[in-house]
PDB file of N, CA and C in Angstrom:
ATOM      1  N   UNK A   1     132.241 105.988  73.913  1.00  0.00           N
ATOM      2  CA  UNK A   1     130.941 106.542  73.819  1.00  0.00           C
ATOM      3  C   UNK A   1     130.445 107.668  72.963  1.00  0.00           C
ATOM      4  N   UNK A   2     129.236 108.102  72.425  1.00  0.00           N
ATOM      5  CA  UNK A   2     128.627 109.153  72.198  1.00  0.00           C
ATOM      6  C   UNK A   2     127.837 110.202  72.896  1.00  0.00           C
ATOM      7  N   UNK A   3     128.400 111.858  72.218  1.00  0.00           N
ATOM      8  CA  UNK A   3     127.864 112.248  73.201  1.00  0.00           C
ATOM      9  C   UNK A   3     126.078 113.122  72.384  1.00  0.00           C
ATOM     10  N   UNK A   4     125.943 113.235  73.560  1.00  0.00           N
ATOM     11  CA  UNK A   4     124.533 114.324  72.514  1.00  0.00           C
ATOM     12  C   UNK A   4     124.167 115.171  73.256  1.00  0.00           C
ATOM     13  N   UNK A   5     124.330 116.484  73.072  1.00  0.00           N
ATOM     14  CA  UNK A   5     123.741 117.594  73.920  1.00  0.00           C
ATOM     15  C   UNK A   5     122.083 118.048  73.237  1.00  0.00           C
ATOM     16  N   UNK A   6     120.833 118.366  74.325  1.00  0.00           N
ATOM     17  CA  UNK A   6     119.675 118.543  74.256  1.00  0.00           C
ATOM     18  C   UNK A   6     119.084 119.307  75.026  1.00  0.00           C
ATOM     19  N   UNK A   7     118.147 120.293  74.459  1.00  0.00           N
ATOM     20  CA  UNK A   7     118.079 121.282  75.280  1.00  0.00           C
ATOM     21  C   UNK A   7     116.420 121.084  76.034  1.00  0.00           C
ATOM     22  N   UNK A   8     116.455 121.130  77.755  1.00  0.00           N
ATOM     23  CA  UNK A   8     115.602 120.145  78.429  1.00  0.00           C
ATOM     24  C   UNK A   8     114.404 121.327  78.413  1.00  0.00           C
ATOM     25  N   UNK A   9     112.560 121.698  78.094  1.00  0.00           N
ATOM     26  CA  UNK A   9     112.080 122.075  78.376  1.00  0.00           C
ATOM     27  C   UNK A   9     112.237 123.357  78.215  1.00  0.00           C
ATOM     28  N   UNK A  10     111.695 124.797  79.249  1.00  0.00           N
ATOM     29  CA  UNK A  10     111.778 126.083  78.110  1.00  0.00           C
ATOM     30  C   UNK A  10     112.972 126.464  79.407  1.00  0.00           C
ATOM     31  N   UNK A  11     112.959 125.380  80.471  1.00  0.00           N
ATOM     32  CA  UNK A  11     114.649 126.506  81.108  1.00  0.00           C
ATOM     33  C   UNK A  11     115.170 126.317  80.613  1.00  0.00           C
ATOM     34  N   UNK A  12     115.643 125.899  79.681  1.00  0.00           N
ATOM     35  CA  UNK A  12     117.155 125.570  78.797  1.00  0.00           C
ATOM     36  C   UNK A  12     117.628 125.045  78.641  1.00  0.00           C
ATOM     37  N   UNK A  13     118.039 124.057  79.662  1.00  0.00           N
ATOM     38  CA  UNK A  13     118.779 123.063  80.367  1.00  0.00           C
ATOM     39  C   UNK A  13     120.087 122.398  79.352  1.00  0.00           C
ATOM     40  N   UNK A  14     121.272 122.649  79.704  1.00  0.00           N
ATOM     41  CA  UNK A  14     121.229 121.699  78.653  1.00  0.00           C
ATOM     42  C   UNK A  14     122.525 120.350  79.234  1.00  0.00           C
ATOM     43  N   UNK A  15     122.103 119.589  78.199  1.00  0.00           N
ATOM     44  CA  UNK A  15     121.965 118.306  79.672  1.00  0.00           C
ATOM     45  C   UNK A  15     123.214 117.763  78.261  1.00  0.00           C
ATOM     46  N   UNK A  16     124.449 117.184  79.358  1.00  0.00           N
ATOM     47  CA  UNK A  16     125.176 116.500  77.941  1.00  0.00           C
ATOM     48  C   UNK A  16     124.968 115.291  78.154  1.00  0.00           C
ATOM     49  N   UNK A  17     124.275 113.933  77.276  1.00  0.00           N
ATOM     50  CA  UNK A  17     124.128 112.693  77.582  1.00  0.00           C
ATOM     51  C   UNK A  17     125.420 111.837  77.141  1.00  0.00           C
ATOM     52  N   UNK A  18     125.530 111.087  77.753  1.00  0.00           N
ATOM     53  CA  UNK A  18     126.940 109.740  77.428  1.00  0.00           C
ATOM     54  C   UNK A  18     126.005 108.872  76.998  1.00  0.00           C
ATOM     55  N   UNK A  19     126.276 107.199  76.106  1.00  0.00           N
ATOM     56  CA  UNK A  19     126.436 106.714  75.693  1.00  0.00           C
ATOM     57  C   UNK A  19     126.955 105.451  75.251  1.00  0.00           C
ATOM     58  N   UNK A  20     127.185 104.829  75.955  1.00  0.00           N
ATOM     59  CA  UNK A  20     127.722 103.271  75.306  1.00  0.00           C
ATOM     60  C   UNK A  20     127.693 103.234  73.789  1.00  0.00           C
ATOM     61  N   UNK A  21     128.753 102.289  73.346  1.00  0.00           N
ATOM     62  CA  UNK A  21     128.292 101.723  72.194  1.00  0.00           C
ATOM     63  C   UNK A  21     126.779 101.089  72.039  1.00  0.00           C
ATOM     64  N   UNK A  22     127.566 100.455  72.935  1.00  0.00           N
ATOM     65  CA  UNK A  22     126.519  98.779  72.889  1.00  0.00           C
ATOM     66  C   UNK A  22     125.391  99.406  73.194  1.00  0.00           C
ATOM     67  N   UNK A  23     124.830 100.073  74.025  1.00  0.00           N
ATOM     68  CA  UNK A  23     123.627 100.292  73.694  1.00  0.00           C
ATOM     69  C   UNK A  23     122.964 101.657  72.775  1.00  0.00           C
ATOM     70  N   UNK A  24     123.766 102.270  72.541  1.00  0.00           N
ATOM     71  CA  UNK A  24     123.336 103.293  71.254  1.00  0.00           C
ATOM     72  C   UNK A  24     122.587 102.243  69.729  1.00  0.00           C
ATOM     73  N   UNK A  25     123.191 100.766  70.019  1.00  0.00           N
ATOM     74  CA  UNK A  25     123.028 100.202  68.732  1.00  0.00           C
ATOM     75  C   UNK A  25     121.658  99.930  69.010  1.00  0.00           C
ATOM     76  N   UNK A  26     120.901  99.758  70.121  1.00  0.00           N
ATOM     77  CA  UNK A  26     119.243  99.964  70.419  1.00  0.00           C
ATOM     78  C   UNK A  26     118.863  98.686  69.920  1.00  0.00           C
ATOM     79  N   UNK A  27     117.869  98.207  70.965  1.00  0.00           N
ATOM     80  CA  UNK A  27     117.030  97.168  69.958  1.00  0.00           C
ATOM     81  C   UNK A  27     115.363  97.278  69.981  1.00  0.00           C
ATOM     82  N   UNK A  28     115.442  96.672  68.817  1.00  0.00           N
ATOM     83  CA  UNK A  28     114.481  96.636  68.071  1.00  0.00           C
ATOM     84  C   UNK A  28     113.075  95.940  68.723  1.00  0.00           C
ATOM     85  N   UNK A  29     111.795  96.373  69.116  1.00  0.00           N
ATOM     86  CA  UNK A  29     110.650  95.816  69.742  1.00  0.00           C
ATOM     87  C   UNK A  29     109.930  96.242  68.624  1.00  0.00           C
ATOM     88  N   UNK A  30     108.636  95.219  68.697  1.00  0.00           N
ATOM     89  CA  UNK A  30     106.874  95.220  68.076  1.00  0.00           C
ATOM     90  C   UNK A  30     105.869  95.168  68.881  1.00  0.00           C
ATOM     91  N   UNK A  31     106.764  95.252  69.803  1.00  0.00           N
ATOM     92  CA  UNK A  31     105.659  94.868  71.174  1.00  0.00           C
ATOM     93  C   UNK A  31     106.051  95.301  72.334  1.00  0.00           C
ATOM     94  N   UNK A  32     105.506  95.818  73.312  1.00  0.00           N
ATOM     95  CA  UNK A  32     105.525  96.565  74.754  1.00  0.00           C
ATOM     96  C   UNK A  32     104.504  96.551  75.598  1.00  0.00           C
ATOM     97  N   UNK A  33     104.954  95.994  76.147  1.00  0.00           N
ATOM     98  CA  UNK A  33     104.034  95.462  77.605  1.00  0.00           C
ATOM     99  C   UNK A  33     103.460  96.704  79.029  1.00  0.00           C
ATOM    100  N   UNK A  34     103.286  97.318  79.102  1.00  0.00           N
ATOM    101  CA  UNK A  34     103.159  98.554  80.228  1.00  0.00           C
ATOM    102  C   UNK A  34     102.712  98.120  82.242  1.00  0.00           C
ATOM    103  N   UNK A  35     103.559  97.743  83.136  1.00  0.00           N
ATOM    104  CA  UNK A  35     102.862  97.265  83.949  1.00  0.00           C
ATOM    105  C   UNK A  35     102.727  98.607  84.907  1.00  0.00           C
ATOM    106  N   UNK A  36     102.503  98.764  85.881  1.00  0.00           N
ATOM    107  CA  UNK A  36     102.510  99.710  87.031  1.00  0.00           C
ATOM    108  C   UNK A  36     102.183  99.251  88.295  1.00  0.00           C
ATOM    109  N   UNK A  37     103.309 100.276  89.361  1.00  0.00           N
ATOM    110  CA  UNK A  37     102.258 100.014  90.914  1.00  0.00           C
ATOM    111  C   UNK A  37     102.288 101.241  91.551  1.00  0.00           C
ATOM    112  N   UNK A  38     101.994 101.644  92.597  1.00  0.00           N
ATOM    113  CA  UNK A  38     101.721 102.594  93.114  1.00  0.00           C
ATOM    114  C   UNK A  38     103.168 103.319  93.063  1.00  0.00           C
ATOM    115  N   UNK A  39     104.468 102.921  93.294  1.00  0.00           N
ATOM    116  CA  UNK A  39     105.380 103.948  93.184  1.00  0.00           C
ATOM    117  C   UNK A  39     106.615 104.073  91.689  1.00  0.00           C
ATOM    118  N   UNK A  40     105.919 103.431  90.633  1.00  0.00           N
ATOM    119  CA  UNK A  40     106.726 102.327  89.066  1.00  0.00           C
ATOM    120  C   UNK A  40     105.810 102.204  88.436  1.00  0.00           C
ATOM    121  N   UNK A  41     106.369 102.612  86.944  1.00  0.00           N
ATOM    122  CA  UNK A  41     105.195 102.054  85.692  1.00  0.00           C
ATOM    123  C   UNK A  41     107.062 100.892  84.824  1.00  0.00           C
ATOM    124  N   UNK A  42     106.506 100.203  84.798  1.00  0.00           N
ATOM    125  CA  UNK A  42     107.432  99.319  84.057  1.00  0.00           C
ATOM    126  C   UNK A  42     107.352  98.851  83.092  1.00  0.00           C
ATOM    127  N   UNK A  43     108.211  99.173  82.142  1.00  0.00           N
ATOM    128  CA  UNK A  43     108.495  98.632  80.499  1.00  0.00           C
ATOM    129  C   UNK A  43     108.966  98.252  79.557  1.00  0.00           C
ATOM    130  N   UNK A  44     108.615  97.121  78.978  1.00  0.00           N
ATOM    131  CA  UNK A  44     109.073  96.069  79.057  1.00  0.00           C
ATOM    132  C   UNK A  44     109.121  96.093  76.730  1.00  0.00           C
ATOM    133  N   UNK A  45     110.156  95.967  76.925  1.00  0.00           N
ATOM    134  CA  UNK A  45     110.111  96.188  74.564  1.00  0.00           C
ATOM    135  C   UNK A  45     110.166  94.537  73.826  1.00  0.00           C
ATOM    136  N   UNK A  46     109.441  94.189  73.738  1.00  0.00           N
ATOM    137  CA  UNK A  46     110.223  93.355  73.164  1.00  0.00           C
ATOM    138  C   UNK A  46     109.685  92.579  71.194  1.00  0.00           C
ATOM    139  N   UNK A  47     110.150  91.534  71.455  1.00  0.00           N
ATOM    140  CA  UNK A  47     110.421  91.034  69.067  1.00  0.00           C
ATOM    141  C   UNK A  47     109.909  90.026  69.866  1.00  0.00           C
ATOM    142  N   UNK A  48     108.291  90.041  68.920  1.00  0.00           N
ATOM    143  CA  UNK A  48     107.440  88.969  68.882  1.00  0.00           C
ATOM    144  C   UNK A  48     108.060  88.679  67.340  1.00  0.00           C
ATOM    145  N   UNK A  49     108.270  87.369  66.763  1.00  0.00           N
ATOM    146  CA  UNK A  49     108.735  87.239  65.640  1.00  0.00           C
ATOM    147  C   UNK A  49     107.171  86.604  64.959  1.00  0.00           C
ATOM    148  N   UNK A  50     107.392  86.786  64.035  1.00  0.00           N
ATOM    149  CA  UNK A  50     105.937  86.088  63.061  1.00  0.00           C
ATOM    150  C   UNK A  50     105.484  84.752  63.362  1.00  0.00           C
ATOM    151  N   UNK A  51     104.485  84.148  63.499  1.00  0.00           N
ATOM    152  CA  UNK A  51     103.731  83.017  63.097  1.00  0.00           C
ATOM    153  C   UNK A  51     104.415  82.672  65.068  1.00  0.00           C
ATOM    154  N   UNK A  52     105.595  83.195  66.010  1.00  0.00           N
ATOM    155  CA  UNK A  52     105.761  82.627  67.348  1.00  0.00           C
ATOM    156  C   UNK A  52     105.036  83.410  68.550  1.00  0.00           C
ATOM    157  N   UNK A  53     104.057  81.974  69.284  1.00  0.00           N
ATOM    158  CA  UNK A  53     103.424  82.493  70.556  1.00  0.00           C
ATOM    159  C   UNK A  53     104.503  83.225  71.348  1.00  0.00           C
ATOM    160  N   UNK A  54     105.219  83.052  71.473  1.00  0.00           N
ATOM    161  CA  UNK A  54     106.527  84.101  72.352  1.00  0.00           C
ATOM    162  C   UNK A  54     107.016  85.028  72.157  1.00  0.00           C
ATOM    163  N   UNK A  55     106.672  85.898  73.156  1.00  0.00           N
ATOM    164  CA  UNK A  55     107.735  87.402  72.992  1.00  0.00           C
ATOM    165  C   UNK A  55     109.230  87.181  73.745  1.00  0.00           C
ATOM    166  N   UNK A  56     110.055  86.988  73.880  1.00  0.00           N
ATOM    167  CA  UNK A  56     111.554  87.682  74.578  1.00  0.00           C
ATOM    168  C   UNK A  56     111.184  89.022  74.544  1.00  0.00           C
ATOM    169  N   UNK A  57     111.459  88.980  75.711  1.00  0.00           N
ATOM    170  CA  UNK A  57     111.617  90.734  76.330  1.00  0.00           C
ATOM    171  C   UNK A  57     113.897  91.107  75.952  1.00  0.00           C
ATOM    172  N   UNK A  58     113.780  92.225  75.218  1.00  0.00           N
ATOM    173  CA  UNK A  58     115.065  92.623  75.143  1.00  0.00           C
ATOM    174  C   UNK A  58     115.439  93.729  75.950  1.00  0.00           C
ATOM    175  N   UNK A  59     114.267  94.945  76.226  1.00  0.00           N
ATOM    176  CA  UNK A  59     115.223  95.187  77.144  1.00  0.00           C
ATOM    177  C   UNK A  59     113.478  95.984  78.575  1.00  0.00           C
ATOM    178  N   UNK A  60     114.289  96.481  79.586  1.00  0.00           N
ATOM    179  CA  UNK A  60     113.388  96.945  80.643  1.00  0.00           C
ATOM    180  C   UNK A  60     113.442  97.704  80.993  1.00  0.00           C
ATOM    181  N   UNK A  61     112.128  99.104  81.282  1.00  0.00           N
ATOM    182  CA  UNK A  61     112.582  99.823  81.437  1.00  0.00           C
ATOM    183  C   UNK A  61     111.616 100.415  82.745  1.00  0.00           C
ATOM    184  N   UNK A  62     112.444 100.772  83.995  1.00  0.00           N
ATOM    185  CA  UNK A  62     111.478 100.844  84.978  1.00  0.00           C
ATOM    186  C   UNK A  62     111.545 103.126  85.201  1.00  0.00           C
ATOM    187  N   UNK A  63     110.451 103.157  85.322  1.00  0.00           N
ATOM    188  CA  UNK A  63     110.668 104.851  85.404  1.00  0.00           C
ATOM    189  C   UNK A  63     109.359 105.715  86.542  1.00  0.00           C
ATOM    190  N   UNK A  64     110.038 106.716  87.476  1.00  0.00           N
ATOM    191  CA  UNK A  64     109.052 106.696  88.323  1.00  0.00           C
ATOM    192  C   UNK A  64     107.552 107.423  87.810  1.00  0.00           C
ATOM    193  N   UNK A  65     106.451 107.479  88.241  1.00  0.00           N
ATOM    194  CA  UNK A  65     104.975 108.300  87.972  1.00  0.00           C
ATOM    195  C   UNK A  65     104.852 109.444  86.912  1.00  0.00           C
ATOM    196  N   UNK A  66     105.822 110.202  87.937  1.00  0.00           N
ATOM    197  CA  UNK A  66     106.242 111.674  86.679  1.00  0.00           C
ATOM    198  C   UNK A  66     107.400 111.712  85.448  1.00  0.00           C
ATOM    199  N   UNK A  67     108.470 110.686  85.571  1.00  0.00           N
ATOM    200  CA  UNK A  67     108.416 110.483  84.710  1.00  0.00           C
ATOM    201  C   UNK A  67     107.999 109.612  82.912  1.00  0.00           C
ATOM    202  N   UNK A  68     107.324 109.132  83.784  1.00  0.00           N
ATOM    203  CA  UNK A  68     105.947 107.982  82.864  1.00  0.00           C
ATOM    204  C   UNK A  68     104.871 109.204  82.711  1.00  0.00           C
ATOM    205  N   UNK A  69     104.360 109.681  83.228  1.00  0.00           N
ATOM    206  CA  UNK A  69     103.616 111.197  82.375  1.00  0.00           C
ATOM    207  C   UNK A  69     104.871 111.884  81.470  1.00  0.00           C
ATOM    208  N   UNK A  70     105.473 112.345  81.346  1.00  0.00           N
ATOM    209  CA  UNK A  70     106.519 113.139  80.892  1.00  0.00           C
ATOM    210  C   UNK A  70     106.819 112.141  79.178  1.00  0.00           C
ATOM    211  N   UNK A  71     106.830 111.040  79.437  1.00  0.00           N
ATOM    212  CA  UNK A  71     106.933 110.404  78.333  1.00  0.00           C
ATOM    213  C   UNK A  71     106.421 110.129  77.872  1.00  0.00           C
ATOM    214  N   UNK A  72     105.322 110.296  78.308  1.00  0.00           N
ATOM    215  CA  UNK A  72     102.780 110.339  77.688  1.00  0.00           C
ATOM    216  C   UNK A  72     103.600 111.135  77.061  1.00  0.00           C
ATOM    217  N   UNK A  73     103.685 112.043  77.298  1.00  0.00           N
ATOM    218  CA  UNK A  73     103.494 113.994  76.777  1.00  0.00           C
ATOM    219  C   UNK A  73     104.969 113.788  75.323  1.00  0.00           C
ATOM    220  N   UNK A  74     106.065 113.582  75.823  1.00  0.00           N
ATOM    221  CA  UNK A  74     106.934 114.083  74.717  1.00  0.00           C
ATOM    222  C   UNK A  74     106.325 112.709  73.989  1.00  0.00           C
ATOM    223  N   UNK A  75     105.969 111.655  73.823  1.00  0.00           N
ATOM    224  CA  UNK A  75     105.135 110.841  72.418  1.00  0.00           C
ATOM    225  C   UNK A  75     104.292 110.803  72.003  1.00  0.00           C
ATOM    226  N   UNK A  76     103.424 111.817  72.667  1.00  0.00           N
ATOM    227  CA  UNK A  76     101.726 112.013  72.442  1.00  0.00           C
ATOM    228  C   UNK A  76     102.981 113.244  71.279  1.00  0.00           C
ATOM    229  N   UNK A  77     103.859 114.193  71.586  1.00  0.00           N
ATOM    230  CA  UNK A  77     104.194 115.373  70.874  1.00  0.00           C
ATOM    231  C   UNK A  77     104.613 114.899  69.818  1.00  0.00           C
ATOM    232  N   UNK A  78     105.541 114.183  70.054  1.00  0.00           N
ATOM    233  CA  UNK A  78     106.221 113.429  68.933  1.00  0.00           C
ATOM    234  C   UNK A  78     106.100 112.702  67.381  1.00  0.00           C
ATOM    235  N   UNK A  79     104.532 111.592  67.987  1.00  0.00           N
ATOM    236  CA  UNK A  79     104.254 111.170  66.961  1.00  0.00           C
ATOM    237  C   UNK A  79     103.440 112.015  66.380  1.00  0.00           C
ATOM    238  N   UNK A  80     102.674 112.806  66.581  1.00  0.00           N
ATOM    239  CA  UNK A  80     101.978 114.058  66.389  1.00  0.00           C
ATOM    240  C   UNK A  80     102.989 114.786  65.192  1.00  0.00           C
ATOM    241  N   UNK A  81     104.176 115.294  65.456  1.00  0.00           N
ATOM    242  CA  UNK A  81     104.879 115.933  64.807  1.00  0.00           C
ATOM    243  C   UNK A  81     105.558 115.260  63.906  1.00  0.00           C
ATOM    244  N   UNK A  82     105.578 113.146  63.762  1.00  0.00           N
ATOM    245  CA  UNK A  82     105.069 112.752  62.859  1.00  0.00           C
ATOM    246  C   UNK A  82     104.642 112.653  61.453  1.00  0.00           C
ATOM    247  N   UNK A  83     103.515 112.576  62.036  1.00  0.00           N
ATOM    248  CA  UNK A  83     102.098 112.897  61.825  1.00  0.00           C
ATOM    249  C   UNK A  83     101.728 113.892  60.536  1.00  0.00           C
ATOM    250  N   UNK A  84     102.003 114.974  61.135  1.00  0.00           N
ATOM    251  CA  UNK A  84     101.756 115.908  60.380  1.00  0.00           C
ATOM    252  C   UNK A  84     102.913 115.925  59.365  1.00  0.00           C
ATOM    253  N   UNK A  85     104.088 115.643  59.177  1.00  0.00           N
ATOM    254  CA  UNK A  85     105.386 115.358  58.120  1.00  0.00           C
ATOM    255  C   UNK A  85     104.630 114.052  57.443  1.00  0.00           C
ATOM    256  N   UNK A  86     104.529 113.083  57.790  1.00  0.00           N
ATOM    257  CA  UNK A  86     104.714 111.821  57.035  1.00  0.00           C
ATOM    258  C   UNK A  86     103.314 111.002  57.088  1.00  0.00           C
ATOM    259  N   UNK A  87     101.771 111.652  57.205  1.00  0.00           N
ATOM    260  CA  UNK A  87     100.916 111.560  57.595  1.00  0.00           C
ATOM    261  C   UNK A  87     100.777 110.595  58.776  1.00  0.00           C
ATOM    262  N   UNK A  88      99.338 110.244  58.467  1.00  0.00           N
ATOM    263  CA  UNK A  88      98.829 109.103  59.642  1.00  0.00           C
ATOM    264  C   UNK A  88      99.319 108.315  59.385  1.00  0.00           C
ATOM    265  N   UNK A  89      99.595 107.240  60.872  1.00  0.00           N
ATOM    266  CA  UNK A  89      99.896 106.205  61.116  1.00  0.00           C
ATOM    267  C   UNK A  89      99.142 105.007  61.103  1.00  0.00           C
ATOM    268  N   UNK A  90      99.265 104.565  60.342  1.00  0.00           N
ATOM    269  CA  UNK A  90      98.173 103.637  60.489  1.00  0.00           C
ATOM    270  C   UNK A  90      97.231 102.281  61.793  1.00  0.00           C
ATOM    271  N   UNK A  91      96.435 102.416  62.692  1.00  0.00           N
ATOM    272  CA  UNK A  91      96.382 101.246  63.605  1.00  0.00           C
ATOM    273  C   UNK A  91      95.928  99.951  63.299  1.00  0.00           C
ATOM    274  N   UNK A  92      95.881  99.819  61.962  1.00  0.00           N
ATOM    275  CA  UNK A  92      94.522  98.851  61.831  1.00  0.00           C
ATOM    276  C   UNK A  92      93.129  99.488  61.607  1.00  0.00           C
ATOM    277  N   UNK A  93      92.404  98.004  60.931  1.00  0.00           N
ATOM    278  CA  UNK A  93      90.701  98.036  60.786  1.00  0.00           C
ATOM    279  C   UNK A  93      90.263  97.795  62.920  1.00  0.00           C
ATOM    280  N   UNK A  94      90.705  97.279  63.767  1.00  0.00           N
ATOM    281  CA  UNK A  94      89.676  97.587  65.109  1.00  0.00           C
ATOM    282  C   UNK A  94      90.814  98.438  65.910  1.00  0.00           C
ATOM    283  N   UNK A  95      91.897  99.160  65.179  1.00  0.00           N
ATOM    284  CA  UNK A  95      92.042 100.579  66.196  1.00  0.00           C
ATOM    285  C   UNK A  95      92.584  99.779  67.083  1.00  0.00           C
ATOM    286  N   UNK A  96      92.795 100.764  68.382  1.00  0.00           N
ATOM    287  CA  UNK A  96      93.197  99.495  69.112  1.00  0.00           C
ATOM    288  C   UNK A  96      92.517  98.430  69.584  1.00  0.00           C
ATOM    289  N   UNK A  97      91.000  97.627  69.128  1.00  0.00           N
ATOM    290  CA  UNK A  97      91.344  96.520  70.467  1.00  0.00           C
ATOM    291  C   UNK A  97      91.991  95.272  69.351  1.00  0.00           C
ATOM    292  N   UNK A  98      92.778  96.060  68.942  1.00  0.00           N
ATOM    293  CA  UNK A  98      94.387  95.380  68.506  1.00  0.00           C
ATOM    294  C   UNK A  98      95.666  95.208  69.010  1.00  0.00           C
ATOM    295  N   UNK A  99      95.457  95.473  70.223  1.00  0.00           N
ATOM    296  CA  UNK A  99      96.603  95.688  71.097  1.00  0.00           C
ATOM    297  C   UNK A  99      96.530  95.527  72.664  1.00  0.00           C
ATOM    298  N   UNK A 100      96.857  94.524  72.382  1.00  0.00           N
ATOM    299  CA  UNK A 100      97.198  93.793  74.299  1.00  0.00           C
ATOM    300  C   UNK A 100      97.460  94.610  75.265  1.00  0.00           C
ATOM    301  N   UNK A 101      96.380  94.620  75.872  1.00  0.00           N
ATOM    302  CA  UNK A 101      96.548  96.214  77.343  1.00  0.00           C
ATOM    303  C   UNK A 101      97.131  95.054  78.245  1.00  0.00           C
TER     304      UNK A 101
END
């Protein structure tokens, strides 16, 4: 297991995070699906092989609405910082029209 210490928000809460080696390897996904109900958001991360019409879910994450909103904010912040450093991420000619909703 690995350790990761991170500071949280402006309160500077130190959180020791432990991660199993097999989880630390990660799961590659080139497609994600998000659905929600009143009390949770469900994120399915999938790998869609080129030329195939079937994607396999490699990981599912279920979040409370509050955590989903915090994740949205964290992703937006990180994408903005990434683009300032490396340039804009191209989304294709049709923009979000190419995304499955």
